[in-house]
N, C-alpha and C. Protein backbone atom coordinates (compact mmCIF):
# COMPACT_ATOMS: atom_id res chain seq x y z
N MET A 1 8.44 -14.71 0.30
CA MET A 1 8.01 -13.61 1.15
C MET A 1 7.08 -12.69 0.35
N GLY A 2 5.94 -12.35 0.90
CA GLY A 2 5.05 -11.40 0.27
C GLY A 2 4.05 -12.00 -0.70
N GLY A 3 4.01 -13.29 -0.86
CA GLY A 3 3.03 -13.90 -1.74
C GLY A 3 3.55 -14.09 -3.15
N ASP A 4 2.61 -14.36 -4.06
CA ASP A 4 3.00 -14.65 -5.44
C ASP A 4 3.14 -13.37 -6.26
N ASN A 5 3.44 -13.54 -7.54
CA ASN A 5 3.66 -12.40 -8.43
C ASN A 5 2.45 -12.10 -9.31
N SER A 6 1.25 -12.52 -8.90
CA SER A 6 0.05 -12.20 -9.68
C SER A 6 -0.24 -10.70 -9.57
N LEU A 7 -0.93 -10.15 -10.57
CA LEU A 7 -1.23 -8.71 -10.55
C LEU A 7 -2.03 -8.31 -9.32
N ASP A 8 -2.89 -9.19 -8.82
CA ASP A 8 -3.67 -8.88 -7.62
C ASP A 8 -2.80 -8.70 -6.39
N ASN A 9 -1.61 -9.26 -6.41
CA ASN A 9 -0.73 -9.21 -5.25
C ASN A 9 0.35 -8.14 -5.37
N LEU A 10 0.56 -7.59 -6.56
CA LEU A 10 1.64 -6.64 -6.77
C LEU A 10 1.18 -5.21 -6.52
N ALA A 11 2.02 -4.46 -5.86
CA ALA A 11 1.76 -3.04 -5.63
C ALA A 11 3.10 -2.35 -5.47
N PRO A 12 3.29 -1.18 -6.10
CA PRO A 12 4.55 -0.47 -5.91
C PRO A 12 4.67 -0.02 -4.46
N ALA A 13 5.80 -0.28 -3.87
CA ALA A 13 6.01 0.10 -2.47
C ALA A 13 7.50 0.21 -2.21
N HIS A 14 7.85 1.11 -1.31
CA HIS A 14 9.26 1.16 -0.93
C HIS A 14 9.54 0.05 0.08
N ARG A 15 10.78 -0.20 0.34
CA ARG A 15 11.21 -1.36 1.12
C ARG A 15 10.53 -1.45 2.49
N ARG A 16 10.39 -0.33 3.20
CA ARG A 16 9.80 -0.38 4.55
C ARG A 16 8.34 -0.83 4.50
N CYS A 17 7.55 -0.27 3.57
CA CYS A 17 6.15 -0.69 3.45
C CYS A 17 6.05 -2.15 3.02
N ASN A 18 6.85 -2.54 2.06
CA ASN A 18 6.82 -3.91 1.59
C ASN A 18 7.19 -4.88 2.71
N SER A 19 8.19 -4.53 3.51
CA SER A 19 8.60 -5.40 4.62
C SER A 19 7.51 -5.48 5.68
N SER A 20 6.83 -4.37 5.97
CA SER A 20 5.79 -4.39 7.00
C SER A 20 4.58 -5.20 6.52
N ARG A 21 4.37 -5.26 5.22
CA ARG A 21 3.24 -6.02 4.69
C ARG A 21 3.51 -7.52 4.72
N GLY A 22 4.72 -7.93 4.35
CA GLY A 22 5.03 -9.36 4.32
C GLY A 22 4.05 -10.11 3.45
N ALA A 23 3.42 -11.15 3.97
CA ALA A 23 2.46 -11.96 3.22
C ALA A 23 1.01 -11.54 3.49
N MET A 24 0.82 -10.43 4.20
CA MET A 24 -0.52 -9.96 4.55
C MET A 24 -1.26 -9.49 3.30
N PRO A 25 -2.53 -9.83 3.15
CA PRO A 25 -3.30 -9.33 2.00
C PRO A 25 -3.32 -7.79 2.02
N LEU A 26 -3.34 -7.19 0.83
CA LEU A 26 -3.26 -5.74 0.72
C LEU A 26 -4.39 -5.03 1.47
N ASP A 27 -5.63 -5.53 1.37
CA ASP A 27 -6.73 -4.86 2.06
C ASP A 27 -6.54 -4.89 3.58
N GLU A 28 -6.00 -5.96 4.12
CA GLU A 28 -5.73 -6.04 5.55
C GLU A 28 -4.60 -5.08 5.94
N TRP A 29 -3.56 -5.01 5.11
CA TRP A 29 -2.45 -4.10 5.38
C TRP A 29 -2.93 -2.65 5.37
N ARG A 30 -3.80 -2.31 4.41
CA ARG A 30 -4.32 -0.94 4.34
C ARG A 30 -5.15 -0.58 5.56
N LYS A 31 -5.87 -1.53 6.13
CA LYS A 31 -6.63 -1.27 7.37
C LYS A 31 -5.67 -1.02 8.52
N ARG A 32 -4.60 -1.77 8.56
CA ARG A 32 -3.63 -1.64 9.64
C ARG A 32 -2.76 -0.40 9.51
N TYR A 33 -2.46 -0.04 8.27
CA TYR A 33 -1.60 1.13 7.98
C TYR A 33 -2.32 2.06 7.00
N PRO A 34 -3.34 2.79 7.48
CA PRO A 34 -4.10 3.66 6.56
C PRO A 34 -3.24 4.80 6.01
N LEU A 35 -3.61 5.26 4.82
CA LEU A 35 -2.93 6.40 4.23
C LEU A 35 -3.24 7.65 5.03
N PRO A 36 -2.27 8.54 5.18
CA PRO A 36 -2.55 9.80 5.89
C PRO A 36 -3.54 10.64 5.08
N ASN A 37 -4.31 11.46 5.79
CA ASN A 37 -5.24 12.36 5.11
C ASN A 37 -4.45 13.37 4.29
N ARG A 38 -4.95 13.65 3.13
CA ARG A 38 -4.30 14.62 2.25
C ARG A 38 -5.26 15.75 1.95
N ALA A 39 -4.71 16.91 1.70
CA ALA A 39 -5.53 18.04 1.29
C ALA A 39 -6.07 17.78 -0.12
N PRO A 40 -7.28 18.25 -0.41
CA PRO A 40 -7.80 18.06 -1.77
C PRO A 40 -6.95 18.83 -2.77
N PRO A 41 -6.92 18.40 -4.03
CA PRO A 41 -6.13 19.11 -5.04
C PRO A 41 -6.59 20.56 -5.18
N SER A 42 -5.68 21.43 -5.44
CA SER A 42 -5.99 22.84 -5.61
C SER A 42 -6.60 23.09 -6.98
N ARG A 43 -7.59 23.95 -7.04
CA ARG A 43 -8.17 24.34 -8.34
C ARG A 43 -7.24 25.28 -9.09
N ASP A 44 -6.25 25.84 -8.38
CA ASP A 44 -5.32 26.78 -9.01
C ASP A 44 -4.31 26.09 -9.91
N TRP A 45 -4.23 24.78 -9.86
CA TRP A 45 -3.27 24.07 -10.70
C TRP A 45 -3.75 24.18 -12.09
């Protein structure tokens, strides 16, 4: 499940994301499940 263990196929993910990806290539999964928009980093940090 999820493909092979090559570095191109590995990505840290919690169980729900990993299960939804299955054997789907990462770029296809990212198109289907895009990251939410985030605010830019604060300059005050």
